[in-house]
Amino acid sequence: MIRRKENPYKKCPIYETNKFILRLVEENDAEDLLECYSDSVAVKFFNSDNCTSNFIYKTLDEMKNCIKFWIEEYKNQYYVRFSIVDKTRGKAIGTIEMFAKDDYVGEYGKVGVLRLDLATRYEKVEVITEVLDIIEDNFYCDFEVENIITKAIPEAKERVAALKNCGFRELEPNTVVSYDSYYIKSKME
């Protein structure tokens, strides 16, 4: 059994890389995040499987309402939605959602689902790799999962390359989730 440092729903952790800070999304992030979520190029790379929205927001009010929803979902312990803050710019440039599936999935055990939403200018192998490294160092333990899955459509060439470079492998459709274009990495890999 994996032991977490602290329950992320009781006290949301803050993670830091050389260039980014990952922390719980805040309503103050709305203006920054609107740049990401109104970007029609970026949105096509987002994972909205099983979501209540397609994550395309055109107004500040829409973005604020979405963030309020994410915060409420966090309080109900459904998932954690982190803002990714670019340290140089001091702005949120995207988000990460993470949660552990409720059930064990056969040979995969306890699986965490990762959603990574980035503004187009950050959809680069080096950025995604830096974010994946901090996730790998912490999320298996903090979310008590043995595997992490994330979606990357074939057109997301930079994302796919970063996932493969970090040891993720393509997941056969309908194994862990009933969608395609997912990648998986085990804590043991």
N, C-alpha and C. Protein backbone atom coordinates (compact mmCIF):
# COMPACT_ATOMS: atom_id res chain seq x y z
N MET A 1 0.84 -1.19 0.00
CA MET A 1 0.00 0.00 0.00
C MET A 1 0.88 1.25 0.00
N ILE A 2 0.53 2.18 -0.80
CA ILE A 2 1.26 3.44 -0.90
C ILE A 2 0.80 4.36 0.23
N ARG A 3 1.72 4.96 0.93
CA ARG A 3 1.38 5.89 2.01
C ARG A 3 1.61 7.32 1.55
N ARG A 4 0.60 8.14 1.66
CA ARG A 4 0.76 9.52 1.24
C ARG A 4 1.31 10.38 2.38
N LYS A 5 1.90 11.48 1.98
CA LYS A 5 2.46 12.41 2.96
C LYS A 5 1.34 13.04 3.79
N GLU A 6 0.33 13.54 3.09
CA GLU A 6 -0.81 14.18 3.74
C GLU A 6 -1.98 14.14 2.76
N ASN A 7 -3.18 14.00 3.26
CA ASN A 7 -4.35 13.95 2.41
C ASN A 7 -4.48 15.27 1.64
N PRO A 8 -4.40 15.24 0.30
CA PRO A 8 -4.45 16.49 -0.47
C PRO A 8 -5.80 17.20 -0.40
N TYR A 9 -6.83 16.50 0.10
CA TYR A 9 -8.14 17.13 0.26
C TYR A 9 -8.28 17.83 1.60
N LYS A 10 -7.42 17.51 2.54
CA LYS A 10 -7.41 18.19 3.85
C LYS A 10 -6.51 19.42 3.79
N LYS A 11 -5.36 19.24 3.17
CA LYS A 11 -4.43 20.35 2.97
C LYS A 11 -3.81 20.17 1.59
N CYS A 12 -4.19 21.04 0.69
CA CYS A 12 -3.71 20.90 -0.69
C CYS A 12 -2.22 21.24 -0.74
N PRO A 13 -1.44 20.30 -1.26
CA PRO A 13 -0.01 20.56 -1.35
C PRO A 13 0.32 21.61 -2.40
N ILE A 14 1.48 22.21 -2.25
CA ILE A 14 2.03 23.13 -3.24
C ILE A 14 3.32 22.49 -3.73
N TYR A 15 3.46 22.38 -5.04
CA TYR A 15 4.65 21.79 -5.64
C TYR A 15 5.38 22.87 -6.42
N GLU A 16 6.69 22.72 -6.50
CA GLU A 16 7.47 23.73 -7.20
C GLU A 16 8.55 23.08 -8.05
N THR A 17 8.70 23.59 -9.26
CA THR A 17 9.78 23.18 -10.15
C THR A 17 10.67 24.41 -10.36
N ASN A 18 11.63 24.30 -11.25
CA ASN A 18 12.48 25.47 -11.53
C ASN A 18 11.67 26.63 -12.08
N LYS A 19 10.67 26.32 -12.92
CA LYS A 19 9.94 27.38 -13.61
C LYS A 19 8.48 27.55 -13.19
N PHE A 20 7.93 26.57 -12.46
CA PHE A 20 6.49 26.59 -12.19
C PHE A 20 6.16 26.28 -10.73
N ILE A 21 5.02 26.79 -10.31
CA ILE A 21 4.42 26.45 -9.02
C ILE A 21 3.07 25.82 -9.32
N LEU A 22 2.78 24.67 -8.69
CA LEU A 22 1.49 24.03 -8.80
C LEU A 22 0.80 24.18 -7.45
N ARG A 23 -0.35 24.84 -7.46
CA ARG A 23 -1.11 25.07 -6.22
C ARG A 23 -2.59 25.03 -6.53
N LEU A 24 -3.39 24.90 -5.50
CA LEU A 24 -4.84 24.85 -5.68
C LEU A 24 -5.32 26.06 -6.47
N VAL A 25 -6.18 25.81 -7.44
CA VAL A 25 -6.73 26.89 -8.25
C VAL A 25 -7.45 27.89 -7.34
N GLU A 26 -7.39 29.16 -7.70
CA GLU A 26 -8.03 30.23 -6.93
C GLU A 26 -8.88 31.08 -7.87
N GLU A 27 -9.90 31.70 -7.31
CA GLU A 27 -10.75 32.58 -8.12
C GLU A 27 -9.94 33.71 -8.75
N ASN A 28 -8.87 34.14 -8.08
CA ASN A 28 -8.01 35.20 -8.62
C ASN A 28 -7.29 34.79 -9.90
N ASP A 29 -7.30 33.50 -10.23
CA ASP A 29 -6.63 33.01 -11.44
C ASP A 29 -7.48 33.20 -12.70
N ALA A 30 -8.71 33.64 -12.54
CA ALA A 30 -9.66 33.65 -13.67
C ALA A 30 -9.14 34.40 -14.88
N GLU A 31 -8.63 35.59 -14.69
CA GLU A 31 -8.17 36.38 -15.84
C GLU A 31 -7.01 35.68 -16.56
N ASP A 32 -6.07 35.16 -15.78
CA ASP A 32 -4.93 34.44 -16.37
C ASP A 32 -5.42 33.20 -17.13
N LEU A 33 -6.27 32.42 -16.49
CA LEU A 33 -6.71 31.15 -17.08
C LEU A 33 -7.62 31.34 -18.28
N LEU A 34 -8.27 32.48 -18.37
CA LEU A 34 -9.12 32.73 -19.54
C LEU A 34 -8.27 32.71 -20.82
N GLU A 35 -7.02 33.15 -20.73
CA GLU A 35 -6.12 33.08 -21.88
C GLU A 35 -5.97 31.64 -22.37
N CYS A 36 -5.89 30.72 -21.43
CA CYS A 36 -5.75 29.30 -21.77
C CYS A 36 -7.07 28.72 -22.27
N TYR A 37 -8.15 28.96 -21.55
CA TYR A 37 -9.43 28.31 -21.85
C TYR A 37 -10.24 29.00 -22.95
N SER A 38 -9.77 30.11 -23.46
CA SER A 38 -10.42 30.71 -24.64
C SER A 38 -9.59 30.46 -25.89
N ASP A 39 -8.50 29.74 -25.74
CA ASP A 39 -7.57 29.45 -26.83
C ASP A 39 -8.06 28.21 -27.58
N SER A 40 -8.61 28.41 -28.78
CA SER A 40 -9.21 27.30 -29.53
C SER A 40 -8.18 26.25 -29.95
N VAL A 41 -6.93 26.63 -30.09
CA VAL A 41 -5.89 25.66 -30.42
C VAL A 41 -5.58 24.79 -29.20
N ALA A 42 -5.45 25.42 -28.04
CA ALA A 42 -5.13 24.68 -26.81
C ALA A 42 -6.26 23.74 -26.40
N VAL A 43 -7.49 24.21 -26.51
CA VAL A 43 -8.65 23.46 -26.02
C VAL A 43 -8.76 22.08 -26.65
N LYS A 44 -8.35 21.95 -27.90
CA LYS A 44 -8.50 20.63 -28.54
C LYS A 44 -7.59 19.57 -27.90
N PHE A 45 -6.58 20.00 -27.14
CA PHE A 45 -5.69 19.06 -26.46
C PHE A 45 -6.17 18.71 -25.05
N PHE A 46 -7.19 19.40 -24.54
CA PHE A 46 -7.69 19.15 -23.19
C PHE A 46 -8.48 17.85 -23.15
N ASN A 47 -8.56 17.28 -21.98
CA ASN A 47 -9.32 16.06 -21.78
C ASN A 47 -10.64 16.40 -21.10
N SER A 48 -11.71 16.37 -21.85
CA SER A 48 -13.03 16.63 -21.26
C SER A 48 -13.86 15.35 -21.16
N ASP A 49 -13.22 14.18 -21.27
CA ASP A 49 -13.93 12.90 -21.12
C ASP A 49 -14.62 12.86 -19.76
N ASN A 50 -15.90 12.55 -19.75
CA ASN A 50 -16.72 12.45 -18.53
C ASN A 50 -16.87 13.77 -17.78
N CYS A 51 -16.66 14.90 -18.44
CA CYS A 51 -16.78 16.20 -17.79
C CYS A 51 -18.13 16.84 -18.14
N THR A 52 -18.47 17.86 -17.37
CA THR A 52 -19.74 18.56 -17.58
C THR A 52 -19.60 19.71 -18.58
N SER A 53 -18.41 19.91 -19.11
CA SER A 53 -18.14 21.03 -20.00
C SER A 53 -17.08 20.64 -21.02
N ASN A 54 -16.97 21.44 -22.08
CA ASN A 54 -15.91 21.21 -23.06
C ASN A 54 -14.71 22.14 -22.82
N PHE A 55 -14.80 22.96 -21.77
CA PHE A 55 -13.72 23.85 -21.32
C PHE A 55 -13.38 24.95 -22.30
N ILE A 56 -14.35 25.40 -23.06
CA ILE A 56 -14.15 26.56 -23.91
C ILE A 56 -14.91 27.71 -23.26
N TYR A 57 -14.15 28.71 -22.80
CA TYR A 57 -14.75 29.86 -22.12
C TYR A 57 -14.35 31.13 -22.83
N LYS A 58 -15.32 31.98 -23.08
CA LYS A 58 -15.08 33.22 -23.82
C LYS A 58 -15.11 34.47 -22.95
N THR A 59 -15.71 34.36 -21.76
CA THR A 59 -15.83 35.54 -20.91
C THR A 59 -15.21 35.27 -19.54
N LEU A 60 -14.87 36.35 -18.87
CA LEU A 60 -14.31 36.26 -17.53
C LEU A 60 -15.32 35.64 -16.56
N ASP A 61 -16.58 35.96 -16.72
CA ASP A 61 -17.61 35.37 -15.85
C ASP A 61 -17.70 33.85 -16.02
N GLU A 62 -17.60 33.38 -17.26
CA GLU A 62 -17.62 31.94 -17.50
C GLU A 62 -16.43 31.26 -16.81
N MET A 63 -15.27 31.89 -16.91
CA MET A 63 -14.07 31.33 -16.29
C MET A 63 -14.21 31.33 -14.77
N LYS A 64 -14.70 32.42 -14.22
CA LYS A 64 -14.90 32.51 -12.76
C LYS A 64 -15.87 31.44 -12.28
N ASN A 65 -16.95 31.23 -13.02
CA ASN A 65 -17.91 30.20 -12.63
C ASN A 65 -17.30 28.81 -12.68
N CYS A 66 -16.47 28.57 -13.67
CA CYS A 66 -15.79 27.29 -13.77
C CYS A 66 -14.87 27.08 -12.56
N ILE A 67 -14.10 28.10 -12.21
CA ILE A 67 -13.20 27.99 -11.06
C ILE A 67 -13.98 27.76 -9.78
N LYS A 68 -15.09 28.43 -9.61
CA LYS A 68 -15.93 28.20 -8.42
C LYS A 68 -16.39 26.75 -8.38
N PHE A 69 -16.76 26.22 -9.53
CA PHE A 69 -17.17 24.81 -9.62
C PHE A 69 -16.01 23.90 -9.23
N TRP A 70 -14.82 24.16 -9.75
CA TRP A 70 -13.65 23.35 -9.41
C TRP A 70 -13.37 23.38 -7.91
N ILE A 71 -13.49 24.56 -7.31
CA ILE A 71 -13.24 24.68 -5.87
C ILE A 71 -14.28 23.91 -5.08
N GLU A 72 -15.52 23.97 -5.51
CA GLU A 72 -16.59 23.21 -4.83
C GLU A 72 -16.34 21.70 -4.97
N GLU A 73 -15.94 21.26 -6.15
CA GLU A 73 -15.62 19.84 -6.36
C GLU A 73 -14.45 19.41 -5.46
N TYR A 74 -13.48 20.29 -5.29
CA TYR A 74 -12.36 20.01 -4.39
C TYR A 74 -12.86 19.84 -2.96
N LYS A 75 -13.72 20.75 -2.52
CA LYS A 75 -14.26 20.67 -1.15
C LYS A 75 -15.03 19.36 -0.95
N ASN A 76 -15.68 18.89 -2.01
CA ASN A 76 -16.41 17.61 -1.94
C ASN A 76 -15.50 16.40 -2.17
N GLN A 77 -14.21 16.65 -2.34
CA GLN A 77 -13.18 15.63 -2.50
C GLN A 77 -13.36 14.77 -3.74
N TYR A 78 -13.80 15.39 -4.84
CA TYR A 78 -13.92 14.67 -6.11
C TYR A 78 -12.60 14.69 -6.88
N TYR A 79 -11.92 15.82 -6.85
CA TYR A 79 -10.62 15.95 -7.50
C TYR A 79 -9.95 17.21 -7.00
N VAL A 80 -8.66 17.31 -7.29
CA VAL A 80 -7.90 18.53 -7.00
C VAL A 80 -7.58 19.18 -8.33
N ARG A 81 -7.89 20.45 -8.45
CA ARG A 81 -7.56 21.21 -9.66
C ARG A 81 -6.48 22.22 -9.25
N PHE A 82 -5.28 21.99 -9.77
CA PHE A 82 -4.14 22.85 -9.48
C PHE A 82 -3.99 23.89 -10.59
N SER A 83 -3.61 25.11 -10.23
CA SER A 83 -3.16 26.08 -11.23
C SER A 83 -1.68 25.87 -11.42
N ILE A 84 -1.24 26.01 -12.65
CA ILE A 84 0.18 25.97 -12.98
C ILE A 84 0.60 27.42 -13.16
N VAL A 85 1.44 27.89 -12.27
CA VAL A 85 1.85 29.30 -12.28
C VAL A 85 3.26 29.40 -12.82
N ASP A 86 3.43 30.19 -13.87
CA ASP A 86 4.73 30.48 -14.44
C ASP A 86 5.42 31.48 -13.50
N LYS A 87 6.52 31.07 -12.90
CA LYS A 87 7.21 31.93 -11.92
C LYS A 87 7.71 33.23 -12.56
N THR A 88 8.19 33.16 -13.78
CA THR A 88 8.72 34.35 -14.44
C THR A 88 7.64 35.39 -14.68
N ARG A 89 6.51 34.94 -15.17
CA ARG A 89 5.40 35.85 -15.49
C ARG A 89 4.51 36.14 -14.29
N GLY A 90 4.55 35.25 -13.29
CA GLY A 90 3.67 35.40 -12.13
C GLY A 90 2.21 35.20 -12.50
N LYS A 91 1.96 34.36 -13.52
CA LYS A 91 0.60 34.14 -14.01
C LYS A 91 0.30 32.66 -14.13
N ALA A 92 -0.97 32.32 -13.92
CA ALA A 92 -1.44 30.95 -14.14
C ALA A 92 -1.52 30.72 -15.65
N ILE A 93 -0.90 29.64 -16.11
CA ILE A 93 -0.83 29.38 -17.56
C ILE A 93 -1.58 28.10 -17.95
N GLY A 94 -2.23 27.49 -16.98
CA GLY A 94 -2.99 26.27 -17.22
C GLY A 94 -3.35 25.62 -15.90
N THR A 95 -3.91 24.43 -16.00
CA THR A 95 -4.29 23.71 -14.78
C THR A 95 -3.98 22.23 -14.92
N ILE A 96 -3.96 21.59 -13.77
CA ILE A 96 -3.86 20.14 -13.68
C ILE A 96 -5.00 19.68 -12.79
N GLU A 97 -5.69 18.65 -13.23
CA GLU A 97 -6.68 17.99 -12.38
C GLU A 97 -6.15 16.60 -12.07
N MET A 98 -6.32 16.17 -10.83
CA MET A 98 -5.88 14.83 -10.44
C MET A 98 -6.89 14.25 -9.46
N PHE A 99 -7.21 12.98 -9.67
CA PHE A 99 -8.04 12.23 -8.72
C PHE A 99 -7.75 10.75 -8.89
N ALA A 100 -8.05 10.01 -7.85
CA ALA A 100 -7.92 8.55 -7.91
C ALA A 100 -9.29 7.97 -8.23
N LYS A 101 -9.32 7.05 -9.19
CA LYS A 101 -10.58 6.37 -9.50
C LYS A 101 -11.02 5.61 -8.26
N ASP A 102 -12.34 5.53 -8.07
CA ASP A 102 -12.89 4.89 -6.87
C ASP A 102 -12.60 3.40 -6.79
N ASP A 103 -12.53 2.76 -7.94
CA ASP A 103 -12.40 1.31 -7.94
C ASP A 103 -11.00 0.87 -8.38
N TYR A 104 -10.65 -0.33 -8.00
CA TYR A 104 -9.39 -0.92 -8.47
C TYR A 104 -9.65 -1.46 -9.87
N VAL A 105 -8.67 -1.33 -10.74
CA VAL A 105 -8.83 -1.71 -12.13
C VAL A 105 -7.91 -2.90 -12.43
N GLY A 106 -8.38 -4.09 -12.12
CA GLY A 106 -7.66 -5.33 -12.42
C GLY A 106 -6.18 -5.23 -12.17
N GLU A 107 -5.39 -5.55 -13.17
CA GLU A 107 -3.94 -5.56 -13.05
C GLU A 107 -3.34 -4.18 -12.80
N TYR A 108 -4.12 -3.11 -13.01
CA TYR A 108 -3.61 -1.75 -12.85
C TYR A 108 -3.77 -1.23 -11.42
N GLY A 109 -4.55 -1.93 -10.60
CA GLY A 109 -4.73 -1.50 -9.21
C GLY A 109 -5.44 -0.17 -9.11
N LYS A 110 -4.99 0.65 -8.20
CA LYS A 110 -5.57 1.98 -7.98
C LYS A 110 -4.98 2.94 -9.02
N VAL A 111 -5.86 3.55 -9.80
CA VAL A 111 -5.43 4.38 -10.92
C VAL A 111 -5.79 5.84 -10.66
N GLY A 112 -4.83 6.73 -10.93
CA GLY A 112 -5.08 8.16 -10.87
C GLY A 112 -5.30 8.70 -12.27
N VAL A 113 -6.25 9.62 -12.39
CA VAL A 113 -6.53 10.25 -13.67
C VAL A 113 -5.99 11.68 -13.62
N LEU A 114 -5.15 12.00 -14.59
CA LEU A 114 -4.50 13.30 -14.68
C LEU A 114 -5.02 14.03 -15.91
N ARG A 115 -5.45 15.27 -15.71
CA ARG A 115 -5.83 16.13 -16.82
C ARG A 115 -4.86 17.31 -16.81
N LEU A 116 -4.29 17.60 -17.95
CA LEU A 116 -3.32 18.69 -18.06
C LEU A 116 -3.80 19.65 -19.14
N ASP A 117 -4.10 20.88 -18.74
CA ASP A 117 -4.57 21.91 -19.66
C ASP A 117 -3.54 23.04 -19.67
N LEU A 118 -2.99 23.33 -20.83
CA LEU A 118 -1.97 24.37 -20.97
C LEU A 118 -2.31 25.34 -22.09
N ALA A 119 -1.95 26.59 -21.90
CA ALA A 119 -2.04 27.56 -22.98
C ALA A 119 -1.11 27.11 -24.10
N THR A 120 -1.46 27.42 -25.34
CA THR A 120 -0.72 26.94 -26.51
C THR A 120 0.78 27.21 -26.42
N ARG A 121 1.18 28.38 -25.98
CA ARG A 121 2.61 28.71 -25.96
C ARG A 121 3.39 27.86 -24.98
N TYR A 122 2.70 27.12 -24.09
CA TYR A 122 3.35 26.24 -23.13
C TYR A 122 3.25 24.76 -23.51
N GLU A 123 2.59 24.48 -24.60
CA GLU A 123 2.43 23.10 -25.08
C GLU A 123 3.73 22.68 -25.77
N LYS A 124 4.77 22.56 -24.98
CA LYS A 124 6.12 22.24 -25.45
C LYS A 124 6.67 21.06 -24.65
N VAL A 125 7.48 20.24 -25.30
CA VAL A 125 8.04 19.05 -24.65
C VAL A 125 8.71 19.41 -23.33
N GLU A 126 9.55 20.45 -23.33
CA GLU A 126 10.30 20.77 -22.11
C GLU A 126 9.40 21.23 -20.96
N VAL A 127 8.36 21.97 -21.26
CA VAL A 127 7.42 22.43 -20.22
C VAL A 127 6.65 21.23 -19.67
N ILE A 128 6.09 20.44 -20.57
CA ILE A 128 5.30 19.28 -20.14
C ILE A 128 6.16 18.31 -19.35
N THR A 129 7.38 18.10 -19.78
CA THR A 129 8.29 17.20 -19.07
C THR A 129 8.56 17.72 -17.66
N GLU A 130 8.81 19.01 -17.51
CA GLU A 130 9.06 19.58 -16.19
C GLU A 130 7.85 19.39 -15.27
N VAL A 131 6.66 19.58 -15.81
CA VAL A 131 5.44 19.38 -15.03
C VAL A 131 5.25 17.90 -14.70
N LEU A 132 5.48 17.02 -15.67
CA LEU A 132 5.34 15.58 -15.41
C LEU A 132 6.34 15.08 -14.38
N ASP A 133 7.53 15.65 -14.35
CA ASP A 133 8.53 15.23 -13.36
C ASP A 133 8.05 15.51 -11.94
N ILE A 134 7.47 16.67 -11.70
CA ILE A 134 6.99 16.99 -10.34
C ILE A 134 5.77 16.14 -10.00
N ILE A 135 4.96 15.85 -11.00
CA ILE A 135 3.81 14.96 -10.78
C ILE A 135 4.30 13.58 -10.39
N GLU A 136 5.26 13.06 -11.13
CA GLU A 136 5.78 11.73 -10.85
C GLU A 136 6.41 11.66 -9.47
N ASP A 137 7.09 12.70 -9.07
CA ASP A 137 7.74 12.71 -7.76
C ASP A 137 6.76 12.75 -6.60
N ASN A 138 5.51 13.16 -6.84
CA ASN A 138 4.59 13.39 -5.73
C ASN A 138 3.22 12.73 -5.83
N PHE A 139 2.62 12.67 -7.01
CA PHE A 139 1.22 12.29 -7.12
C PHE A 139 0.94 10.83 -6.78
N TYR A 140 1.85 9.92 -7.09
CA TYR A 140 1.61 8.51 -6.75
C TYR A 140 1.39 8.38 -5.25
N CYS A 141 2.26 9.00 -4.50
CA CYS A 141 2.19 8.94 -3.04
C CYS A 141 1.01 9.74 -2.50
N ASP A 142 0.89 11.00 -2.91
CA ASP A 142 -0.13 11.88 -2.35
C ASP A 142 -1.55 11.45 -2.67
N PHE A 143 -1.76 10.82 -3.82
CA PHE A 143 -3.10 10.38 -4.21
C PHE A 143 -3.28 8.87 -4.05
N GLU A 144 -2.26 8.21 -3.49
CA GLU A 144 -2.30 6.78 -3.21
C GLU A 144 -2.71 5.96 -4.42
N VAL A 145 -1.99 6.16 -5.52
CA VAL A 145 -2.26 5.42 -6.75
C VAL A 145 -1.02 4.65 -7.19
N GLU A 146 -1.28 3.58 -7.92
CA GLU A 146 -0.19 2.75 -8.44
C GLU A 146 0.13 3.08 -9.89
N ASN A 147 -0.85 3.64 -10.60
CA ASN A 147 -0.70 4.03 -11.99
C ASN A 147 -1.36 5.38 -12.21
N ILE A 148 -0.82 6.14 -13.16
CA ILE A 148 -1.44 7.41 -13.56
C ILE A 148 -1.72 7.32 -15.05
N ILE A 149 -2.95 7.71 -15.43
CA ILE A 149 -3.30 7.78 -16.84
C ILE A 149 -3.59 9.22 -17.22
N THR A 150 -3.33 9.54 -18.47
CA THR A 150 -3.63 10.87 -18.98
C THR A 150 -3.88 10.76 -20.48
N LYS A 151 -4.66 11.69 -20.98
CA LYS A 151 -5.03 11.66 -22.40
C LYS A 151 -4.09 12.55 -23.22
N ALA A 152 -3.75 12.07 -24.41
CA ALA A 152 -2.99 12.87 -25.37
C ALA A 152 -3.39 12.39 -26.76
N ILE A 153 -4.15 13.23 -27.46
CA ILE A 153 -4.57 12.87 -28.81
C ILE A 153 -3.35 12.86 -29.73
N PRO A 154 -3.39 12.09 -30.82
CA PRO A 154 -2.22 11.99 -31.71
C PRO A 154 -1.73 13.34 -32.24
N GLU A 155 -2.64 14.30 -32.43
CA GLU A 155 -2.24 15.62 -32.93
C GLU A 155 -1.41 16.42 -31.91
N ALA A 156 -1.44 16.01 -30.66
CA ALA A 156 -0.69 16.69 -29.60
C ALA A 156 0.74 16.16 -29.57
N LYS A 157 1.46 16.42 -30.62
CA LYS A 157 2.79 15.82 -30.82
C LYS A 157 3.76 16.13 -29.69
N GLU A 158 3.79 17.36 -29.22
CA GLU A 158 4.70 17.74 -28.13
C GLU A 158 4.34 16.99 -26.85
N ARG A 159 3.05 16.91 -26.56
CA ARG A 159 2.58 16.22 -25.35
C ARG A 159 2.91 14.73 -25.42
N VAL A 160 2.63 14.12 -26.56
CA VAL A 160 2.91 12.69 -26.73
C VAL A 160 4.40 12.43 -26.56
N ALA A 161 5.23 13.27 -27.16
CA ALA A 161 6.68 13.10 -27.03
C ALA A 161 7.12 13.22 -25.57
N ALA A 162 6.58 14.20 -24.86
CA ALA A 162 6.94 14.38 -23.45
C ALA A 162 6.50 13.17 -22.62
N LEU A 163 5.30 12.68 -22.87
CA LEU A 163 4.81 11.50 -22.14
C LEU A 163 5.73 10.31 -22.37
N LYS A 164 6.06 10.06 -23.62
CA LYS A 164 6.93 8.93 -23.93
C LYS A 164 8.32 9.11 -23.32
N ASN A 165 8.85 10.33 -23.38
CA ASN A 165 10.15 10.61 -22.77
C ASN A 165 10.15 10.37 -21.26
N CYS A 166 8.99 10.57 -20.65
CA CYS A 166 8.87 10.38 -19.19
C CYS A 166 8.45 8.96 -18.82
N GLY A 167 8.37 8.06 -19.81
CA GLY A 167 8.09 6.67 -19.50
C GLY A 167 6.64 6.25 -19.57
N PHE A 168 5.75 7.13 -20.02
CA PHE A 168 4.36 6.74 -20.21
C PHE A 168 4.28 5.90 -21.48
N ARG A 169 3.36 4.95 -21.48
CA ARG A 169 3.14 4.12 -22.67
C ARG A 169 1.67 4.20 -23.04
N GLU A 170 1.42 4.00 -24.34
CA GLU A 170 0.04 4.08 -24.82
C GLU A 170 -0.78 2.96 -24.20
N LEU A 171 -1.99 3.29 -23.80
CA LEU A 171 -2.90 2.35 -23.16
C LEU A 171 -3.88 1.84 -24.20
N GLU A 172 -4.10 0.56 -24.20
CA GLU A 172 -5.10 -0.03 -25.11
C GLU A 172 -6.48 0.55 -24.79
N PRO A 173 -7.26 0.95 -25.79
CA PRO A 173 -8.61 1.47 -25.54
C PRO A 173 -9.47 0.47 -24.76
N ASN A 174 -10.35 0.98 -23.96
CA ASN A 174 -11.31 0.19 -23.17
C ASN A 174 -10.65 -0.75 -22.16
N THR A 175 -9.50 -0.38 -21.65
CA THR A 175 -8.89 -1.20 -20.59
C THR A 175 -9.13 -0.56 -19.22
N VAL A 176 -8.69 0.67 -19.04
CA VAL A 176 -8.89 1.37 -17.76
C VAL A 176 -10.07 2.34 -17.88
N VAL A 177 -10.19 2.99 -19.03
CA VAL A 177 -11.31 3.89 -19.32
C VAL A 177 -11.86 3.53 -20.69
N SER A 178 -13.08 3.94 -20.96
CA SER A 178 -13.71 3.58 -22.23
C SER A 178 -13.48 4.64 -23.30
N TYR A 179 -12.31 5.21 -23.32
CA TYR A 179 -11.93 6.22 -24.30
C TYR A 179 -10.58 5.84 -24.89
N ASP A 180 -10.24 6.47 -26.01
CA ASP A 180 -8.94 6.19 -26.61
C ASP A 180 -7.98 7.34 -26.36
N SER A 181 -6.76 7.18 -26.81
CA SER A 181 -5.69 8.18 -26.72
C SER A 181 -5.22 8.43 -25.29
N TYR A 182 -5.19 7.40 -24.49
CA TYR A 182 -4.69 7.51 -23.12
C TYR A 182 -3.31 6.88 -23.02
N TYR A 183 -2.53 7.42 -22.10
CA TYR A 183 -1.21 6.92 -21.78
C TYR A 183 -1.17 6.58 -20.29
N ILE A 184 -0.32 5.63 -19.93
CA ILE A 184 -0.27 5.16 -18.55
C ILE A 184 1.19 5.03 -18.10
N LYS A 185 1.38 5.28 -16.83
CA LYS A 185 2.70 5.04 -16.24
C LYS A 185 2.48 4.49 -14.84
N SER A 186 3.20 3.43 -14.56
CA SER A 186 3.17 2.81 -13.25
C SER A 186 4.20 3.46 -12.34
N LYS A 187 3.90 3.48 -11.07
CA LYS A 187 4.85 3.99 -10.08
C LYS A 187 6.16 3.21 -10.17
N MET A 188 6.06 1.95 -10.54
CA MET A 188 7.24 1.08 -10.58
C MET A 188 8.08 1.24 -11.84
N GLU A 189 7.58 1.94 -12.85
CA GLU A 189 8.32 2.06 -14.12
C GLU A 189 9.42 3.10 -14.03
